[in-house]
Amino acid sequence: MLDHVFLSVSDIDRSIAFYTAALAPLGIVNRHDYDGKDGPPGHPDLKGFGANGRLFLWLREGVVEGRAAHVGFVARSREEVDAAYAAAMAAGAADNGAPAARAYYDPRYYAANVFDPDGYSLEFVYKSWQHEDR
């Protein structure tokens, strides 16, 4: 299980606005700013996103290698996938696959894919078999 991911972004304010909007439909609404001077020498300032008491996505200003990363976010329903996709698109994402079943993985795999403003590949995914209530 992963604990956290850092993404370097070219415009920190634009990325904070984008991720705040795109992740809200998934319940990822907790934010935290980490001042790099509080860490070891050379530690970057970080902008964190998370939910349920955990921060797991951290943005830092730096060199962007957009196509080098793909990040999948868990959705609790098909409706959450649709809402996250719509929010991301409204916040400036580029389409990389509208919400639909991804039958090539599994007929129950429902997802939407976008590129964030720096070109990172994001996926909002609902896998019904991974949810106890489904």
C-alpha atoms as a PDB file:
ATOM      1  CA  MET A   1       0.000   0.000   0.000  1.00  0.00           C
ATOM      2  CA  LEU A   2       1.297   3.464  -0.850  1.00  0.00           C
ATOM      3  CA  ASP A   3       1.593   6.173   1.775  1.00  0.00           C
ATOM      4  CA  HIS A   4       2.194   9.238  -0.398  1.00  0.00           C
ATOM      5  CA  VAL A   5       3.139  10.559  -3.832  1.00  0.00           C
ATOM      6  CA  PHE A   6       4.970  13.780  -4.726  1.00  0.00           C
ATOM      7  CA  LEU A   7       4.260  15.499  -8.055  1.00  0.00           C
ATOM      8  CA  SER A   8       6.360  18.393  -9.299  1.00  0.00           C
ATOM      9  CA  VAL A   9       4.219  21.103 -10.884  1.00  0.00           C
ATOM     10  CA  SER A  10       5.060  24.186 -12.930  1.00  0.00           C
ATOM     11  CA  ASP A  11       2.553  26.581 -11.319  1.00  0.00           C
ATOM     12  CA  ILE A  12       1.754  25.714  -7.717  1.00  0.00           C
ATOM     13  CA  ASP A  13      -1.248  28.051  -7.387  1.00  0.00           C
ATOM     14  CA  ARG A  14      -2.840  26.730 -10.594  1.00  0.00           C
ATOM     15  CA  SER A  15      -2.266  23.145  -9.465  1.00  0.00           C
ATOM     16  CA  ILE A  16      -3.710  23.752  -5.993  1.00  0.00           C
ATOM     17  CA  ALA A  17      -6.856  25.202  -7.585  1.00  0.00           C
ATOM     18  CA  PHE A  18      -7.077  22.313 -10.057  1.00  0.00           C
ATOM     19  CA  TYR A  19      -6.632  19.507  -7.513  1.00  0.00           C
ATOM     20  CA  THR A  20      -8.910  21.181  -4.979  1.00  0.00           C
ATOM     21  CA  ALA A  21     -11.720  21.178  -7.561  1.00  0.00           C
ATOM     22  CA  ALA A  22     -10.989  17.808  -9.174  1.00  0.00           C
ATOM     23  CA  LEU A  23     -10.586  15.801  -5.956  1.00  0.00           C
ATOM     24  CA  ALA A  24     -13.481  17.265  -3.956  1.00  0.00           C
ATOM     25  CA  PRO A  25     -16.101  14.921  -5.508  1.00  0.00           C
ATOM     26  CA  LEU A  26     -14.014  11.986  -4.227  1.00  0.00           C
ATOM     27  CA  GLY A  27     -14.034  13.341  -0.673  1.00  0.00           C
ATOM     28  CA  ILE A  28     -10.365  14.328  -0.891  1.00  0.00           C
ATOM     29  CA  VAL A  29     -10.864  17.672   0.775  1.00  0.00           C
ATOM     30  CA  ASN A  30      -8.186  17.919   3.465  1.00  0.00           C
ATOM     31  CA  ARG A  31      -5.327  20.311   2.656  1.00  0.00           C
ATOM     32  CA  HIS A  32      -2.065  21.037   4.405  1.00  0.00           C
ATOM     33  CA  ASP A  33       0.879  23.272   3.540  1.00  0.00           C
ATOM     34  CA  TYR A  34       4.284  22.035   4.659  1.00  0.00           C
ATOM     35  CA  ASP A  35       7.055  24.612   4.926  1.00  0.00           C
ATOM     36  CA  GLY A  36      10.242  23.031   3.603  1.00  0.00           C
ATOM     37  CA  LYS A  37      12.400  24.933   6.094  1.00  0.00           C
ATOM     38  CA  ASP A  38      10.905  22.705   8.805  1.00  0.00           C
ATOM     39  CA  GLY A  39      12.518  19.650   7.180  1.00  0.00           C
ATOM     40  CA  PRO A  40      16.076  18.654   6.389  1.00  0.00           C
ATOM     41  CA  PRO A  41      18.224  21.017   4.280  1.00  0.00           C
ATOM     42  CA  GLY A  42      16.876  21.364   0.748  1.00  0.00           C
ATOM     43  CA  HIS A  43      13.417  19.983   1.553  1.00  0.00           C
ATOM     44  CA  PRO A  44      10.816  21.552  -0.752  1.00  0.00           C
ATOM     45  CA  ASP A  45       7.671  23.354   0.310  1.00  0.00           C
ATOM     46  CA  LEU A  46       4.763  20.958  -0.165  1.00  0.00           C
ATOM     47  CA  LYS A  47       1.031  21.337  -0.695  1.00  0.00           C
ATOM     48  CA  GLY A  48      -0.785  18.240   0.586  1.00  0.00           C
ATOM     49  CA  PHE A  49      -4.161  16.714  -0.225  1.00  0.00           C
ATOM     50  CA  GLY A  50      -5.918  13.885   1.567  1.00  0.00           C
ATOM     51  CA  ALA A  51      -8.940  12.463   3.343  1.00  0.00           C
ATOM     52  CA  ASN A  52      -9.841  10.593   6.507  1.00  0.00           C
ATOM     53  CA  GLY A  53      -6.919  11.940   8.493  1.00  0.00           C
ATOM     54  CA  ARG A  54      -4.289  11.047   5.868  1.00  0.00           C
ATOM     55  CA  LEU A  55      -2.429  13.271   3.434  1.00  0.00           C
ATOM     56  CA  PHE A  56      -1.211  11.260   0.474  1.00  0.00           C
ATOM     57  CA  LEU A  57      -0.822  13.539  -2.546  1.00  0.00           C
ATOM     58  CA  TRP A  58       1.814  16.248  -2.271  1.00  0.00           C
ATOM     59  CA  LEU A  59       2.559  18.929  -4.851  1.00  0.00           C
ATOM     60  CA  ARG A  60       5.865  20.738  -5.087  1.00  0.00           C
ATOM     61  CA  GLU A  61       6.976  23.381  -7.525  1.00  0.00           C
ATOM     62  CA  GLY A  62       9.692  22.067  -9.822  1.00  0.00           C
ATOM     63  CA  VAL A  63      10.603  20.390 -13.064  1.00  0.00           C
ATOM     64  CA  VAL A  64       7.579  18.803 -14.716  1.00  0.00           C
ATOM     65  CA  GLU A  65       7.728  15.467 -16.470  1.00  0.00           C
ATOM     66  CA  GLY A  66       3.980  15.135 -16.943  1.00  0.00           C
ATOM     67  CA  ARG A  67       3.757  11.927 -18.920  1.00  0.00           C
ATOM     68  CA  ALA A  68       6.082  10.220 -16.441  1.00  0.00           C
ATOM     69  CA  ALA A  69       3.349   9.678 -13.841  1.00  0.00           C
ATOM     70  CA  HIS A  70      -0.101   8.133 -13.712  1.00  0.00           C
ATOM     71  CA  VAL A  71      -2.109   8.494 -10.502  1.00  0.00           C
ATOM     72  CA  GLY A  72      -5.341   6.594  -9.900  1.00  0.00           C
ATOM     73  CA  PHE A  73      -7.841   7.889  -7.334  1.00  0.00           C
ATOM     74  CA  VAL A  74     -10.424   5.622  -5.695  1.00  0.00           C
ATOM     75  CA  ALA A  75     -14.065   6.544  -6.217  1.00  0.00           C
ATOM     76  CA  ARG A  76     -16.840   5.017  -4.115  1.00  0.00           C
ATOM     77  CA  SER A  77     -19.338   4.879  -6.992  1.00  0.00           C
ATOM     78  CA  ARG A  78     -19.794   5.444 -10.701  1.00  0.00           C
ATOM     79  CA  GLU A  79     -21.410   8.758  -9.804  1.00  0.00           C
ATOM     80  CA  GLU A  80     -18.233   9.863  -8.025  1.00  0.00           C
ATOM     81  CA  VAL A  81     -16.194   8.970 -11.117  1.00  0.00           C
ATOM     82  CA  ASP A  82     -18.551  11.056 -13.260  1.00  0.00           C
ATOM     83  CA  ALA A  83     -18.445  13.988 -10.820  1.00  0.00           C
ATOM     84  CA  ALA A  84     -14.645  13.964 -10.498  1.00  0.00           C
ATOM     85  CA  TYR A  85     -14.263  13.836 -14.282  1.00  0.00           C
ATOM     86  CA  ALA A  86     -16.682  16.750 -14.727  1.00  0.00           C
ATOM     87  CA  ALA A  87     -14.952  18.783 -12.002  1.00  0.00           C
ATOM     88  CA  ALA A  88     -11.507  18.106 -13.469  1.00  0.00           C
ATOM     89  CA  MET A  89     -12.625  19.089 -16.960  1.00  0.00           C
ATOM     90  CA  ALA A  90     -14.224  22.288 -15.630  1.00  0.00           C
ATOM     91  CA  ALA A  91     -10.974  23.069 -13.782  1.00  0.00           C
ATOM     92  CA  GLY A  92      -8.855  22.832 -16.937  1.00  0.00           C
ATOM     93  CA  ALA A  93      -8.062  19.143 -17.455  1.00  0.00           C
ATOM     94  CA  ALA A  94      -7.644  17.639 -20.907  1.00  0.00           C
ATOM     95  CA  ASP A  95      -9.757  14.586 -21.697  1.00  0.00           C
ATOM     96  CA  ASN A  96      -7.997  11.230 -21.819  1.00  0.00           C
ATOM     97  CA  GLY A  97     -11.048   8.949 -21.641  1.00  0.00           C
ATOM     98  CA  ALA A  98     -14.603   9.829 -20.684  1.00  0.00           C
ATOM     99  CA  PRO A  99     -16.324   7.919 -17.862  1.00  0.00           C
ATOM    100  CA  ALA A 100     -17.152   4.382 -18.943  1.00  0.00           C
ATOM    101  CA  ALA A 101     -16.546   0.736 -18.140  1.00  0.00           C
ATOM    102  CA  ARG A 102     -13.016  -0.366 -18.950  1.00  0.00           C
ATOM    103  CA  ALA A 103     -13.995  -3.877 -20.023  1.00  0.00           C
ATOM    104  CA  TYR A 104     -10.466  -4.609 -21.242  1.00  0.00           C
ATOM    105  CA  TYR A 105      -9.547  -4.732 -17.516  1.00  0.00           C
ATOM    106  CA  ASP A 106     -12.823  -6.044 -16.095  1.00  0.00           C
ATOM    107  CA  PRO A 107     -16.472  -5.313 -16.972  1.00  0.00           C
ATOM    108  CA  ARG A 108     -16.939  -3.923 -13.439  1.00  0.00           C
ATOM    109  CA  TYR A 109     -13.988  -1.511 -13.774  1.00  0.00           C
ATOM    110  CA  TYR A 110     -15.501   1.963 -14.271  1.00  0.00           C
ATOM    111  CA  ALA A 111     -13.182   4.901 -14.770  1.00  0.00           C
ATOM    112  CA  ALA A 112     -12.490   8.270 -16.313  1.00  0.00           C
ATOM    113  CA  ASN A 113      -9.106   9.610 -17.362  1.00  0.00           C
ATOM    114  CA  VAL A 114      -7.768  13.147 -17.697  1.00  0.00           C
ATOM    115  CA  PHE A 115      -4.483  15.000 -18.004  1.00  0.00           C
ATOM    116  CA  ASP A 116      -3.902  17.681 -15.361  1.00  0.00           C
ATOM    117  CA  PRO A 117      -2.557  21.116 -16.403  1.00  0.00           C
ATOM    118  CA  ASP A 118       1.029  19.785 -16.368  1.00  0.00           C
ATOM    119  CA  GLY A 119       0.193  16.675 -18.387  1.00  0.00           C
ATOM    120  CA  TYR A 120       0.065  14.153 -15.544  1.00  0.00           C
ATOM    121  CA  SER A 121      -2.275  11.260 -16.245  1.00  0.00           C
ATOM    122  CA  LEU A 122      -5.036  11.000 -13.647  1.00  0.00           C
ATOM    123  CA  GLU A 123      -7.643   8.282 -13.339  1.00  0.00           C
ATOM    124  CA  PHE A 124     -10.790   8.316 -11.223  1.00  0.00           C
ATOM    125  CA  VAL A 125     -11.761   4.673 -10.777  1.00  0.00           C
ATOM    126  CA  TYR A 126     -14.528   2.641  -9.209  1.00  0.00           C
ATOM    127  CA  LYS A 127     -13.961  -1.107  -8.866  1.00  0.00           C
ATOM    128  CA  SER A 128     -17.157  -2.496  -7.375  1.00  0.00           C
ATOM    129  CA  TRP A 129     -15.504  -5.679  -6.122  1.00  0.00           C
ATOM    130  CA  GLN A 130     -13.154  -3.628  -3.919  1.00  0.00           C
ATOM    131  CA  HIS A 131     -15.974  -2.105  -1.877  1.00  0.00           C
ATOM    132  CA  GLU A 132     -17.508  -4.071   0.990  1.00  0.00           C
ATOM    133  CA  ASP A 133     -20.912  -2.448   0.562  1.00  0.00           C
ATOM    134  CA  ARG A 134     -21.260  -3.416  -3.114  1.00  0.00           C
END
